[in-house]
Amino acid sequence: MFNRTYEFDPVTLELTLKPLGLVKLSILLGSLLGLFALGWFVLDTLFISPQEQILIAENEVLQDELTTSHSRVNDLSQQIDGLAKTDQELYRLILQTDKIPSDVLQLGVGGIDPYDHFDGFSESTATLLRNHSELLDELERKVALQISSYENLKPLVLKKKRQLDQLPTIRPTHGNLSSTYGSRLHPILQYRRMHSGVDISVPNNSPVYATGAGFVELIDYDFGYGNYIIIDHPDAGYKTLYGHLNSAISNLKVGDEVLRGQQIALSGNTGLSTAPHVHYEVRDHNNNALDPLNFFGPSMTPNEYRDFLVHAQTRNFLPSLD
């Protein structure tokens, strides 16, 4: 590599190797260091330390877990979409309320890119992290929207439940239908007039029940109805009247809340009545009388209701009991 130079020693009469100069020595040391660095680079490239191998393995596991988590979050997002569809197409239809506007359902976002901090990673890692974060944020928005929707529907559901509970859907007492709704010859007054309810024949002091949940509006006596009770069913939009009673049950008073099927009175033969029975009416809130037979159906099977209607037709030829 370097030219060797010798010098003559007059004492020993021998040729000896002349020492290298400072520059040549520096060049030699630099070359050795360069060879060492090159060797270290080759070793570092070809061989991975145990610590590095552990980090690489952990990174692969984390990427696999992140991929699996992304798939699970996507499944949850689809389930939320299913709930939202049911909300739109069923719940809001049943509750007769407006659907959520389509622009609200889009869950749009704008502004600066909230995921640009992932751009410093490798392309595959940055893409995976960005997609996963976008999906999580979208899921959070969907859940928030659905919670808000259910909070909006909750009072409507409670109102609908009250409406259903208050519908007068059962018969007020156990007995035979003796007269139906419509124009009838009054058995005492002896002229035809509107019979605004139905008569159900039962022995004196038979239990009489509220046909729907509601509030006792009136407990009174009338020359025609005798002892009678009116129950208001405000959310359902109806009132029911129970006439010719012997008496209301002892602890019942105006303003009391009653449930469907709760006993409210004992039957009797008071007022303009020819025999013990319960006169029963259904009215709307404008005080228009409605045919109670139209409300009995839901509490019966189809066959029972058909038989009941046939039986009711035979009553059309009989005089009213009141």
Protein backbone atom coordinates (compact mmCIF):
# COMPACT_ATOMS: atom_id res chain seq x y z
CA MET A 1 0.00 0.00 0.00
CA PHE A 2 2.78 2.40 0.93
CA ASN A 3 6.38 2.55 -0.58
CA ARG A 4 8.85 1.19 1.98
CA THR A 5 12.06 3.21 2.57
CA TYR A 6 15.20 2.01 4.32
CA GLU A 7 18.18 3.74 5.87
CA PHE A 8 21.85 2.57 6.59
CA ASP A 9 22.89 2.31 10.23
CA PRO A 10 26.65 3.12 10.38
CA VAL A 11 26.93 1.54 13.81
CA THR A 12 25.40 -1.80 13.05
CA LEU A 13 26.26 -1.64 9.37
CA GLU A 14 22.61 -2.77 8.63
CA LEU A 15 19.69 -1.45 6.62
CA THR A 16 16.67 -0.63 8.81
CA LEU A 17 13.05 0.27 7.89
CA LYS A 18 12.50 3.99 7.98
CA PRO A 19 9.48 5.07 10.20
CA LEU A 20 6.29 6.26 8.40
CA GLY A 21 5.58 9.92 8.28
CA LEU A 22 2.65 11.51 10.16
CA VAL A 23 0.53 11.93 7.02
CA LYS A 24 1.03 8.38 5.93
CA LEU A 25 0.18 7.16 9.45
CA SER A 26 -3.07 9.16 9.43
CA ILE A 27 -4.05 7.69 6.10
CA LEU A 28 -3.41 4.20 7.39
CA LEU A 29 -5.52 4.73 10.51
CA GLY A 30 -8.35 6.28 8.46
CA SER A 31 -8.37 3.29 6.17
CA LEU A 32 -8.58 0.91 9.11
CA LEU A 33 -11.46 2.87 10.64
CA GLY A 34 -13.31 2.88 7.32
CA LEU A 35 -12.93 -0.87 7.01
CA PHE A 36 -14.24 -1.28 10.58
CA ALA A 37 -17.29 0.93 9.91
CA LEU A 38 -18.04 -0.96 6.72
CA GLY A 39 -17.87 -4.24 8.58
CA TRP A 40 -20.16 -2.97 11.32
CA PHE A 41 -22.71 -1.79 8.75
CA VAL A 42 -22.70 -5.16 7.03
CA LEU A 43 -23.12 -7.00 10.33
CA ASP A 44 -25.93 -4.65 11.41
CA THR A 45 -27.72 -5.16 8.10
CA LEU A 46 -27.42 -8.91 7.94
CA PHE A 47 -27.97 -9.68 11.62
CA ILE A 48 -30.89 -8.42 13.87
CA SER A 49 -30.51 -8.22 17.61
CA PRO A 50 -32.92 -10.16 19.92
CA GLN A 51 -34.43 -6.89 21.12
CA GLU A 52 -35.14 -5.80 17.57
CA GLN A 53 -36.67 -9.18 16.77
CA ILE A 54 -39.05 -8.78 19.76
CA LEU A 55 -40.08 -5.28 18.63
CA ILE A 56 -40.72 -6.50 15.07
CA ALA A 57 -42.86 -9.41 16.39
CA GLU A 58 -44.83 -7.09 18.68
CA ASN A 59 -45.46 -4.70 15.79
CA GLU A 60 -46.82 -7.53 13.65
CA VAL A 61 -49.14 -8.66 16.47
CA LEU A 62 -50.37 -5.11 17.01
CA GLN A 63 -51.11 -4.71 13.30
CA ASP A 64 -53.05 -8.00 13.30
CA GLU A 65 -55.03 -6.95 16.37
CA LEU A 66 -55.75 -3.56 14.82
CA THR A 67 -57.01 -5.27 11.66
CA THR A 68 -59.26 -7.57 13.72
CA SER A 69 -60.52 -4.62 15.79
CA HIS A 70 -61.28 -2.72 12.57
CA SER A 71 -63.40 -5.65 11.37
CA ARG A 72 -65.32 -5.84 14.66
CA VAL A 73 -65.97 -2.11 14.71
CA ASN A 74 -67.23 -2.36 11.15
CA ASP A 75 -69.67 -5.10 12.24
CA LEU A 76 -70.89 -2.87 15.07
CA SER A 77 -71.35 -0.01 12.63
CA GLN A 78 -73.53 -2.23 10.44
CA GLN A 79 -75.64 -3.25 13.46
CA ILE A 80 -76.14 0.43 14.33
CA ASP A 81 -77.23 0.97 10.72
CA GLY A 82 -79.81 -1.81 11.23
CA LEU A 83 -81.14 -0.12 14.36
CA ALA A 84 -81.34 3.19 12.53
CA LYS A 85 -83.29 1.56 9.69
CA THR A 86 -85.73 0.00 12.17
CA ASP A 87 -86.03 3.38 13.87
CA GLN A 88 -86.85 5.09 10.58
CA GLU A 89 -89.12 2.47 9.01
CA LEU A 90 -90.89 0.97 12.03
CA TYR A 91 -90.74 2.89 15.28
CA ARG A 92 -91.39 6.30 13.75
CA LEU A 93 -94.14 4.86 11.55
CA ILE A 94 -95.91 3.25 14.53
CA LEU A 95 -95.50 6.37 16.64
CA GLN A 96 -96.61 8.57 13.72
CA THR A 97 -93.72 10.97 13.97
CA ASP A 98 -91.45 12.50 11.35
CA LYS A 99 -88.45 10.58 10.07
CA ILE A 100 -84.93 11.87 10.69
CA PRO A 101 -83.97 14.10 7.74
CA SER A 102 -81.64 12.47 5.22
CA ASP A 103 -79.03 15.24 5.53
CA VAL A 104 -78.80 14.55 9.27
CA LEU A 105 -78.38 10.82 8.62
CA GLN A 106 -75.35 11.52 6.42
CA LEU A 107 -73.33 12.44 9.54
CA GLY A 108 -71.08 14.69 7.50
CA VAL A 109 -67.95 16.27 8.95
CA GLY A 110 -65.69 18.97 7.60
CA GLY A 111 -62.75 21.17 8.45
CA ILE A 112 -59.08 20.22 8.78
CA ASP A 113 -57.85 16.65 8.41
CA PRO A 114 -57.97 15.18 11.95
CA TYR A 115 -55.81 12.22 10.95
CA ASP A 116 -52.75 13.91 9.44
CA HIS A 117 -50.66 12.96 12.46
CA PHE A 118 -50.56 9.41 11.06
CA ASP A 119 -48.73 10.56 7.94
CA GLY A 120 -45.35 10.19 9.61
CA PHE A 121 -45.70 6.40 9.71
CA SER A 122 -45.14 4.00 6.86
CA GLU A 123 -47.81 4.05 4.18
CA SER A 124 -49.41 0.74 5.24
CA THR A 125 -49.44 1.65 8.93
CA ALA A 126 -50.73 5.17 8.28
CA THR A 127 -53.53 3.82 6.07
CA LEU A 128 -54.55 1.24 8.67
CA LEU A 129 -54.56 3.77 11.51
CA ARG A 130 -56.41 6.38 9.45
CA ASN A 131 -59.15 3.95 8.33
CA HIS A 132 -59.60 2.61 11.85
CA SER A 133 -59.87 6.07 13.39
CA GLU A 134 -62.31 7.22 10.71
CA LEU A 135 -64.52 4.19 11.38
CA LEU A 136 -64.43 4.73 15.15
CA ASP A 137 -65.38 8.38 14.77
CA GLU A 138 -68.22 7.47 12.40
CA LEU A 139 -69.44 4.84 14.87
CA GLU A 140 -69.42 7.38 17.69
CA ARG A 141 -71.51 9.78 15.59
CA LYS A 142 -74.00 7.05 14.69
CA VAL A 143 -74.37 5.97 18.31
CA ALA A 144 -74.85 9.59 19.43
CA LEU A 145 -77.50 10.12 16.74
CA GLN A 146 -79.34 6.92 17.69
CA ILE A 147 -79.29 7.78 21.40
CA SER A 148 -80.69 11.21 20.57
CA SER A 149 -83.38 9.61 18.40
CA TYR A 150 -84.43 7.20 21.15
CA GLU A 151 -84.55 10.04 23.65
CA ASN A 152 -86.86 11.83 21.25
CA LEU A 153 -89.05 8.74 20.81
CA LYS A 154 -89.22 7.85 24.52
CA PRO A 155 -92.04 10.27 25.48
CA LEU A 156 -93.95 9.20 22.34
CA VAL A 157 -93.60 5.55 23.35
CA LEU A 158 -94.88 6.32 26.84
CA LYS A 159 -97.81 8.26 25.38
CA LYS A 160 -98.60 5.40 22.99
CA LYS A 161 -98.51 2.96 25.90
CA ARG A 162 -100.93 5.15 27.85
CA GLN A 163 -103.20 5.32 24.81
CA LEU A 164 -103.23 1.54 24.49
CA ASP A 165 -103.77 1.06 28.23
CA GLN A 166 -106.69 3.49 28.19
CA LEU A 167 -108.52 2.02 25.21
CA PRO A 168 -111.88 0.61 26.46
CA THR A 169 -111.39 -2.86 25.00
CA ILE A 170 -113.13 -5.23 27.44
CA ARG A 171 -116.75 -5.72 28.50
CA PRO A 172 -117.67 -4.00 31.77
CA THR A 173 -119.26 -7.07 33.33
CA HIS A 174 -119.90 -10.77 32.77
CA GLY A 175 -123.35 -11.31 31.32
CA ASN A 176 -125.49 -11.61 28.21
CA LEU A 177 -125.94 -8.75 25.80
CA SER A 178 -129.62 -7.81 26.06
CA SER A 179 -129.74 -4.69 23.88
CA THR A 180 -127.42 -3.03 21.38
CA TYR A 181 -126.56 0.47 20.26
CA GLY A 182 -129.10 2.23 18.03
CA SER A 183 -132.69 3.42 17.81
CA ARG A 184 -134.93 1.43 20.19
CA LEU A 185 -138.41 1.44 21.69
CA HIS A 186 -137.98 2.57 25.27
CA PRO A 187 -139.59 -0.04 27.54
CA ILE A 188 -141.01 2.54 29.97
CA LEU A 189 -141.51 5.70 27.92
CA GLN A 190 -142.96 3.65 25.01
CA TYR A 191 -141.49 5.64 22.13
CA ARG A 192 -138.50 5.09 19.89
CA ARG A 193 -135.35 6.94 20.77
CA MET A 194 -131.63 6.53 20.44
CA HIS A 195 -130.13 3.91 22.70
CA SER A 196 -126.62 5.30 23.05
CA GLY A 197 -125.00 2.21 24.54
CA VAL A 198 -125.43 -1.48 25.15
CA ASP A 199 -127.21 -3.34 27.95
CA ILE A 200 -125.65 -6.37 29.62
CA SER A 201 -127.98 -8.44 31.80
CA VAL A 202 -126.49 -9.47 35.15
CA PRO A 203 -127.90 -10.14 38.63
CA ASN A 204 -127.93 -7.35 41.19
CA ASN A 205 -124.61 -6.63 42.85
CA SER A 206 -122.51 -8.22 40.10
CA PRO A 207 -119.04 -6.67 39.81
CA VAL A 208 -118.60 -3.91 37.22
CA TYR A 209 -115.13 -3.22 35.82
CA ALA A 210 -113.37 -0.29 34.18
CA THR A 211 -112.94 -1.17 30.51
CA GLY A 212 -109.76 0.86 30.15
CA ALA A 213 -107.32 2.75 32.34
CA GLY A 214 -108.34 6.30 33.16
CA PHE A 215 -109.57 8.71 35.79
CA VAL A 216 -112.93 8.83 37.55
CA GLU A 217 -114.61 11.95 36.23
CA LEU A 218 -118.04 11.66 37.84
CA ILE A 219 -119.96 9.54 40.32
CA ASP A 220 -123.59 10.69 40.34
CA TYR A 221 -127.29 9.87 40.09
CA ASP A 222 -129.54 10.64 37.13
CA PHE A 223 -133.25 9.98 36.63
CA GLY A 224 -132.52 8.04 33.42
CA TYR A 225 -129.16 6.42 34.20
CA GLY A 226 -129.77 5.92 37.90
CA ASN A 227 -126.49 5.62 39.78
CA TYR A 228 -123.73 5.99 37.20
CA ILE A 229 -119.98 6.51 36.84
CA ILE A 230 -118.06 8.26 34.06
CA ILE A 231 -114.38 7.44 33.50
CA ASP A 232 -112.20 9.67 31.32
CA HIS A 233 -109.52 8.05 29.16
CA PRO A 234 -107.69 11.24 28.12
CA ASP A 235 -104.78 9.85 26.10
CA ALA A 236 -107.03 7.42 24.24
CA GLY A 237 -109.56 10.19 23.56
CA TYR A 238 -112.64 8.47 25.03
CA LYS A 239 -114.98 8.44 28.01
CA THR A 240 -116.99 5.49 29.28
CA LEU A 241 -120.26 5.52 31.21
CA TYR A 242 -121.59 2.76 33.48
CA GLY A 243 -125.29 3.16 34.37
CA HIS A 244 -128.10 1.68 36.52
CA LEU A 245 -125.57 0.71 39.19
CA ASN A 246 -126.41 -0.28 42.70
CA SER A 247 -123.39 1.65 43.99
CA ALA A 248 -119.77 2.49 43.39
CA ILE A 249 -117.27 0.55 45.44
CA SER A 250 -116.83 2.17 48.83
CA ASN A 251 -113.37 3.67 48.39
CA LEU A 252 -113.83 5.01 44.84
CA LYS A 253 -113.94 8.81 44.46
CA VAL A 254 -113.74 11.42 41.73
CA GLY A 255 -110.17 11.93 40.50
CA ASP A 256 -109.04 8.39 41.28
CA GLU A 257 -106.95 6.65 38.66
CA VAL A 258 -108.23 3.21 37.69
CA LEU A 259 -106.79 0.41 35.58
CA ARG A 260 -108.42 -1.72 32.94
CA GLY A 261 -110.17 -4.62 34.66
CA GLN A 262 -110.31 -2.89 38.05
CA GLN A 263 -113.69 -3.21 39.82
CA ILE A 264 -115.43 0.15 40.17
CA ALA A 265 -119.02 -0.70 41.12
CA LEU A 266 -121.81 -3.20 41.75
CA SER A 267 -124.58 -3.60 39.19
CA GLY A 268 -128.17 -2.68 40.01
CA ASN A 269 -131.58 -1.65 38.68
CA THR A 270 -131.64 2.08 39.44
CA GLY A 271 -133.12 4.85 37.27
CA LEU A 272 -135.34 4.15 34.24
CA SER A 273 -134.69 0.41 34.15
CA THR A 274 -136.95 -2.62 33.88
CA ALA A 275 -134.53 -5.29 35.12
CA PRO A 276 -131.08 -5.59 36.69
CA HIS A 277 -128.39 -4.85 34.11
CA VAL A 278 -125.45 -2.57 33.27
CA HIS A 279 -125.92 0.15 30.68
CA TYR A 280 -122.54 0.86 29.09
CA GLU A 281 -121.54 3.70 26.76
CA VAL A 282 -118.39 4.83 24.95
CA ARG A 283 -118.11 8.51 24.00
CA ASP A 284 -115.49 10.67 22.36
CA HIS A 285 -114.30 13.89 23.97
CA ASN A 286 -116.93 15.82 22.01
CA ASN A 287 -119.53 13.77 23.87
CA ASN A 288 -120.59 11.85 20.76
CA ALA A 289 -121.85 8.37 21.59
CA LEU A 290 -120.06 5.50 19.80
CA ASP A 291 -121.07 1.88 19.35
CA PRO A 292 -119.40 -0.08 22.18
CA LEU A 293 -119.46 -3.25 20.04
CA ASN A 294 -116.67 -1.72 17.94
CA PHE A 295 -114.43 -1.72 21.03
CA PHE A 296 -115.08 -5.25 22.27
CA GLY A 297 -113.28 -7.00 19.43
CA PRO A 298 -109.65 -6.69 20.61
CA SER A 299 -110.43 -8.58 23.84
CA MET A 300 -111.91 -11.57 21.96
CA THR A 301 -110.71 -14.18 19.52
CA PRO A 302 -112.02 -13.77 15.94
CA ASN A 303 -114.51 -16.62 16.46
CA GLU A 304 -115.73 -15.18 19.76
CA TYR A 305 -116.19 -11.78 18.15
CA ARG A 306 -118.15 -13.21 15.18
CA ASP A 307 -120.41 -15.16 17.55
CA PHE A 308 -120.85 -12.04 19.66
CA LEU A 309 -121.92 -10.00 16.61
CA VAL A 310 -124.43 -12.71 15.57
CA HIS A 311 -125.80 -12.69 19.10
CA ALA A 312 -125.97 -8.88 19.01
CA GLN A 313 -128.05 -8.97 15.82
CA THR A 314 -130.72 -11.07 17.57
CA ARG A 315 -130.93 -8.37 20.25
CA ASN A 316 -132.01 -5.78 17.66
CA PHE A 317 -135.52 -7.13 17.76
CA LEU A 318 -135.82 -6.83 21.54
CA PRO A 319 -136.70 -3.69 23.47
CA SER A 320 -134.07 -1.95 25.51
CA LEU A 321 -133.99 -2.52 29.24
CA ASP A 322 -133.60 1.22 29.82
